[in-house]
Structures are given as structure tokens and as C-alpha cells.
Protein backbone atom coordinates (compact mmCIF):
# COMPACT_ATOMS: atom_id res chain seq x y z
CA MET A 1 33.31 -21.62 -55.42
CA LYS A 2 36.52 -19.63 -56.08
CA ILE A 3 35.72 -19.59 -59.81
CA PHE A 4 32.21 -18.29 -59.11
CA ILE A 5 33.49 -15.46 -56.92
CA LEU A 6 36.03 -14.54 -59.58
CA LEU A 7 33.28 -14.36 -62.19
CA LEU A 8 31.23 -12.06 -59.98
CA LEU A 9 34.19 -9.73 -59.57
CA ILE A 10 35.49 -9.49 -63.13
CA CYS A 11 32.72 -10.30 -65.59
CA PRO A 12 28.99 -10.30 -65.95
CA SER A 13 25.67 -12.96 -68.77
CA ILE A 14 22.41 -13.18 -70.37
CA TYR A 15 20.44 -10.05 -69.63
CA ALA A 16 16.93 -11.46 -69.82
CA SER A 17 14.98 -8.58 -68.25
CA ALA A 18 15.21 -6.22 -71.20
CA GLN A 19 15.48 -2.44 -70.96
CA PHE A 20 12.25 -1.61 -72.74
CA SER A 21 11.52 1.96 -73.86
CA ASP A 22 8.07 3.55 -73.83
CA THR A 23 7.48 2.40 -77.41
CA ALA A 24 9.26 -0.98 -77.45
CA ASN A 25 7.07 -3.90 -76.32
CA TYR A 26 9.12 -6.86 -77.57
CA HIS A 27 12.76 -7.87 -77.28
CA ILE A 28 14.61 -10.76 -78.97
CA VAL A 29 18.21 -11.82 -78.39
CA ALA A 30 19.63 -14.79 -80.33
CA SER A 31 23.24 -15.91 -80.13
CA SER A 32 25.30 -18.77 -81.51
CA THR A 33 28.82 -19.20 -80.16
CA GLY A 34 31.37 -21.98 -80.21
CA SER A 35 34.98 -23.07 -79.99
CA ILE A 36 37.18 -25.57 -81.83
CA ASN A 37 40.49 -27.04 -80.71
CA LYS A 38 42.52 -29.39 -82.93
CA THR A 39 46.02 -30.80 -82.43
CA ASN A 40 47.85 -33.80 -83.88
CA ASN A 41 46.26 -36.12 -81.33
CA ASP A 42 43.20 -34.35 -79.98
CA ARG A 43 40.05 -32.74 -81.30
CA ALA A 44 37.42 -30.83 -79.34
CA TYR A 45 34.53 -28.56 -80.18
CA LEU A 46 31.76 -26.83 -78.28
CA LEU A 47 28.55 -25.14 -79.49
CA ASN A 48 26.48 -22.77 -77.35
CA ASN A 49 23.12 -21.58 -78.71
CA ASN A 50 20.74 -19.21 -76.88
CA ILE A 51 17.50 -17.43 -77.67
CA ASN A 52 15.75 -14.96 -75.35
CA PHE A 53 12.35 -13.36 -75.84
CA GLY A 54 10.88 -10.51 -73.78
CA LEU A 55 7.39 -8.99 -73.72
CA LYS A 56 6.24 -5.88 -71.86
CA LYS A 57 2.58 -4.98 -71.19
CA LYS A 58 1.79 -2.22 -68.68
CA SER A 59 2.99 -3.51 -65.27
CA ILE A 60 3.99 -6.99 -66.51
CA VAL A 61 7.24 -8.16 -68.12
CA PHE A 62 7.48 -11.72 -69.46
CA ASN A 63 10.81 -13.34 -70.41
CA SER A 64 11.70 -16.72 -71.84
CA THR A 65 15.23 -18.08 -72.27
CA THR A 66 16.33 -21.30 -73.97
CA SER A 67 19.91 -22.52 -74.24
CA TRP A 68 21.63 -25.64 -75.61
CA LEU A 69 25.27 -26.47 -75.01
CA TYR A 70 26.72 -29.37 -77.04
CA GLY A 71 30.30 -30.57 -77.29
CA LYS A 72 32.60 -33.49 -78.04
CA GLN A 73 36.22 -34.30 -77.24
CA ASN A 74 37.99 -36.95 -79.32
CA ASN A 75 34.56 -38.14 -80.55
CA ALA A 76 33.39 -38.65 -76.95
CA LEU A 77 30.41 -36.62 -75.78
CA SER A 78 31.39 -33.97 -73.22
CA ASN A 79 28.32 -31.71 -73.15
CA ASN A 80 24.68 -32.08 -74.05
CA ASP A 81 23.06 -29.56 -71.72
CA PHE A 82 19.62 -28.03 -72.30
CA SER A 83 17.81 -25.39 -70.27
CA THR A 84 14.60 -23.43 -70.76
CA THR A 85 13.13 -20.81 -68.45
CA MET A 86 9.96 -18.73 -68.33
CA ASN A 87 9.58 -15.95 -65.79
CA LEU A 88 7.01 -13.22 -65.14
CA ASN A 89 7.78 -9.91 -63.39
CA LEU A 90 4.94 -7.97 -61.79
CA TYR A 91 5.43 -4.27 -61.01
CA LYS A 92 2.77 -3.13 -58.53
CA THR A 93 4.53 -0.73 -56.15
CA PHE A 94 7.74 1.19 -56.76
CA THR A 95 9.31 1.23 -60.22
CA ASN A 96 12.50 -0.53 -59.10
CA PHE A 97 10.77 -3.21 -57.00
CA TYR A 98 8.83 -6.15 -58.42
CA TYR A 99 7.53 -9.65 -57.72
CA TRP A 100 8.59 -12.57 -59.90
CA GLY A 101 7.46 -16.09 -60.72
CA LEU A 102 9.60 -18.66 -62.52
CA VAL A 103 9.48 -22.11 -64.12
CA ASN A 104 12.76 -23.68 -65.24
CA TYR A 105 13.55 -27.07 -66.84
CA ASN A 106 17.11 -28.44 -67.11
CA THR A 107 18.87 -31.55 -68.35
CA SER A 108 22.66 -31.86 -68.38
CA TYR A 109 24.99 -34.64 -69.51
CA SER A 110 28.05 -32.92 -68.04
CA LEU A 111 26.40 -32.46 -64.60
CA LYS A 112 24.85 -35.98 -64.61
CA LEU A 113 21.37 -34.48 -64.39
CA LYS A 114 18.66 -36.41 -66.25
CA ASN A 115 15.80 -34.00 -65.53
CA GLN A 116 15.19 -31.06 -63.22
CA LEU A 117 12.09 -28.93 -62.78
CA LEU A 118 12.29 -25.73 -60.73
CA ALA A 119 9.30 -23.50 -59.95
CA GLY A 120 8.88 -20.67 -57.48
CA VAL A 121 8.25 -17.03 -56.59
CA GLY A 122 10.15 -14.16 -55.04
CA VAL A 123 10.96 -10.45 -54.99
CA ALA A 124 13.59 -8.30 -56.73
CA TYR A 125 14.98 -4.79 -56.52
CA SER A 126 16.90 -2.81 -59.15
CA PHE A 127 19.56 -0.59 -57.58
CA ILE A 128 20.32 0.97 -60.97
CA ASP A 129 17.91 0.91 -63.90
CA THR A 130 18.92 3.11 -66.82
CA THR A 131 19.54 2.63 -70.53
CA ASN A 132 23.30 2.21 -70.01
CA ALA A 133 23.42 0.45 -66.64
CA TYR A 134 21.32 -2.07 -64.75
CA ILE A 135 22.05 -3.84 -61.45
CA ASN A 136 19.40 -6.07 -59.88
CA LEU A 137 19.31 -8.37 -56.85
CA SER A 138 16.53 -10.90 -56.31
CA ASN A 139 15.65 -13.62 -53.81
CA GLY A 140 12.91 -16.22 -53.54
CA VAL A 141 11.87 -19.81 -52.91
CA LEU A 142 11.96 -22.59 -55.51
CA PHE A 143 10.60 -26.14 -55.46
CA ASP A 144 13.12 -28.53 -57.05
CA ARG A 145 12.16 -31.94 -58.45
CA SER A 146 15.28 -33.66 -59.82
CA SER A 147 16.14 -36.95 -61.50
CA LEU A 148 19.86 -37.78 -61.35
CA VAL A 149 21.94 -40.25 -63.34
CA GLU A 150 23.74 -41.99 -60.47
CA LEU A 151 21.69 -41.07 -57.38
CA ALA A 152 18.09 -41.48 -56.30
CA ASP A 153 15.48 -38.99 -57.49
CA TYR A 154 14.57 -36.37 -54.93
CA SER A 155 12.74 -33.11 -54.29
CA THR A 156 13.60 -30.14 -52.09
CA PHE A 157 12.86 -26.46 -51.52
CA ARG A 158 15.66 -24.04 -52.36
CA ASN A 159 16.50 -20.44 -51.59
CA SER A 160 17.32 -18.73 -54.90
CA LEU A 161 19.61 -15.69 -54.80
CA ARG A 162 20.41 -13.94 -58.09
CA LEU A 163 22.65 -11.06 -59.12
CA GLN A 164 21.93 -9.65 -62.59
CA TYR A 165 23.48 -6.73 -64.44
CA HIS A 166 23.88 -5.01 -67.81
CA PHE A 167 26.28 -2.28 -68.93
CA LEU A 168 26.41 -0.45 -72.24
CA ILE A 169 29.66 1.44 -72.89
CA LYS A 170 29.66 4.16 -75.58
CA ASP A 171 26.91 2.29 -77.49
CA ILE A 172 29.53 -0.24 -78.62
CA ILE A 173 30.43 -2.60 -75.77
CA THR A 174 27.87 -4.58 -73.73
CA ILE A 175 28.54 -6.57 -70.57
CA ASP A 176 25.71 -8.79 -69.31
CA GLY A 177 25.60 -11.10 -66.34
CA SER A 178 23.27 -13.39 -64.44
CA HIS A 179 24.57 -15.37 -61.43
CA PHE A 180 22.57 -17.73 -59.20
CA LEU A 181 23.23 -19.41 -55.85
CA GLN A 182 20.48 -21.91 -54.94
CA ASN A 183 20.83 -23.67 -51.58
CA SER A 184 18.54 -26.44 -50.35
CA TYR A 185 16.77 -25.63 -47.07
CA SER A 186 16.76 -29.25 -45.86
CA ARG A 187 19.76 -30.97 -47.53
CA LYS A 188 23.13 -29.88 -46.14
CA GLY A 189 25.74 -29.33 -48.84
CA ASP A 190 23.15 -29.41 -51.63
CA TYR A 191 23.58 -26.22 -53.64
CA ILE A 192 23.52 -25.12 -57.28
CA ILE A 193 25.69 -22.42 -58.85
CA ARG A 194 24.86 -21.00 -62.29
CA SER A 195 26.91 -18.19 -63.77
CA ASN A 196 26.37 -16.86 -67.30
CA THR A 197 28.43 -14.03 -68.72
CA THR A 198 28.57 -12.34 -72.12
CA LEU A 199 30.77 -9.58 -73.52
CA GLY A 200 29.52 -8.06 -76.77
CA LEU A 201 31.21 -5.80 -79.32
CA LYS A 202 28.67 -4.16 -81.63
CA ILE A 203 29.38 -4.63 -85.34
CA ILE A 204 26.25 -2.91 -86.63
CA LYS A 205 23.18 -1.62 -84.82
CA TRP A 206 21.70 -5.01 -83.84
CA ILE A 207 24.52 -7.51 -84.52
CA SER A 208 27.46 -8.04 -82.14
CA PHE A 209 30.51 -10.22 -81.82
CA THR A 210 29.98 -12.05 -78.52
CA THR A 211 32.13 -13.94 -76.04
CA ALA A 212 30.22 -16.11 -73.55
CA LEU A 213 31.56 -17.53 -70.29
CA ASN A 214 29.40 -20.09 -68.45
CA TYR A 215 30.05 -21.86 -65.14
CA ASN A 216 27.72 -24.39 -63.51
CA ARG A 217 28.03 -26.60 -60.45
CA LEU A 218 25.59 -29.20 -59.12
CA ASN A 219 27.07 -30.09 -55.75
CA VAL A 220 24.83 -33.10 -55.11
CA THR A 221 26.53 -34.91 -58.02
CA GLN A 222 29.94 -33.27 -57.40
CA ARG A 223 29.96 -32.12 -61.04
CA GLU A 224 30.81 -28.76 -62.60
CA ASN A 225 31.57 -27.26 -66.01
CA LEU A 226 33.27 -24.10 -67.26
CA ASN A 227 32.92 -23.10 -70.92
CA LEU A 228 34.23 -20.14 -72.94
CA THR A 229 32.77 -19.65 -76.43
CA TYR A 230 32.62 -16.89 -79.03
CA GLY A 231 30.42 -16.01 -82.01
CA LEU A 232 27.61 -13.66 -83.08
CA SER A 233 24.44 -12.40 -81.40
CA ILE A 234 21.37 -10.55 -82.68
CA ASP A 235 19.66 -8.08 -80.33
CA LYS A 236 16.45 -6.40 -81.51
CA TYR A 237 13.71 -4.30 -79.88
CA PHE A 238 10.39 -3.73 -81.65
């Protein structure tokens, strides 16, 4: 929990709800980052691949995000974590307020999670929504159906609280963040933390050098992971 709070204070992640202009209807972000560590006795590497797609039509914004984290340490598997999410935002009242629906599938070797399906609805409000700055807070209810490696399969309803933000500094530096806290309503001590953070330095108009920081905790299995990777990302509106 201390690591999660620190992430919220100092660094923001994947900014899935794109800042569309009046003429841009599609948004694609693809990134491939990684890290390698080699000494006389030890070898470790980590690969983090993400692709995000956004679509805007009138009062509807659709986003999909897929990520795959894979790593080994001394030829032993450390990470094989896959996640894909589809969410739909519906703007029917004020510009900064919207309803959302979400479906999310996860599997994670490092968290001892064989399969997890999350689906739910909620509301969100953007406190700041400009080209250079975006801060959004959302809350809702998710149904969780999970299959664990060492414990019995189970299902539960969760409260899903999310903080999301995006900052563009002098058209060169981008800071993006998405942080979730998902508590079970019925299972005491059963909570999920997901924190994804990226810092981008623009090389040319739509290519950036990117550093990604990801933290995840699945408290029901008492497992967590923290990964720092770096590489390139492509960000294109059309």
C-alpha cells in the first residue's frame, strides 16, 4: 500500500481516454518497453508490450487496451501477465461527466491468477479536461469471476475507484497515469491494486522515448509485482 500511495504522489500511466479534437475520431498508442540485467552469476530480462485504441463518435468514446508483460530470471519464468480491456464512455449530460461500462480479462503468472473476468458500470467526472492537462476520477461496481492457482475459484462484487490523469509539458514531455483500487463488498481483506505509469519524451511528432512503471497487488493471493521498463511508444491521432 505504501508503494501505491507513493506512485499516486510522484508519478502518473496509460492514458486510455484520448483527448480527441473536433476532427480526430481515432487514436492509437503502441509501446514496447523492456529491461535487461546481466552479471557474472545472474541474468534477468523483462518485456512490456501495450497497444491502445480509441474511437470517438458523437457522444460515445470507445477504448480498448491490451498489455503483455513477460520476463525471466536465471532462465526461470518470473512474469507472464496478460490483460485486455474494453470500455465505453457515454456522454449524455455535462461535458465533464459521463457513464462508463467495462469488460476486463486478466491472467497473471506473477500474481498466481489463472483467469479473471471483470465486468461492470459506473460514473466518472473530469475535473480538468484540456489539451495539456486531464484529471479524472471514476467509481462503479464490477462483477469479478476469478480462477486462482492455489485457492478455490470464486466470484464477488467489487467497488472500483480509479484516478486517471495526463499532462503534456511544452509539447515534449508527457506524464500519464491510471490507478485502481478495487475492494470486494463481501470478502474482508480482498482488494486489488493496479497502478500504471508512463513518462514520455517526444523524439519526433508521434514517437517518444517512454519509461513505464507498473505496480499490481492481488491481496487474496498475497502476491504483488513492481516493474520499471523503458523503450519506445507510437502515439497517433487520425
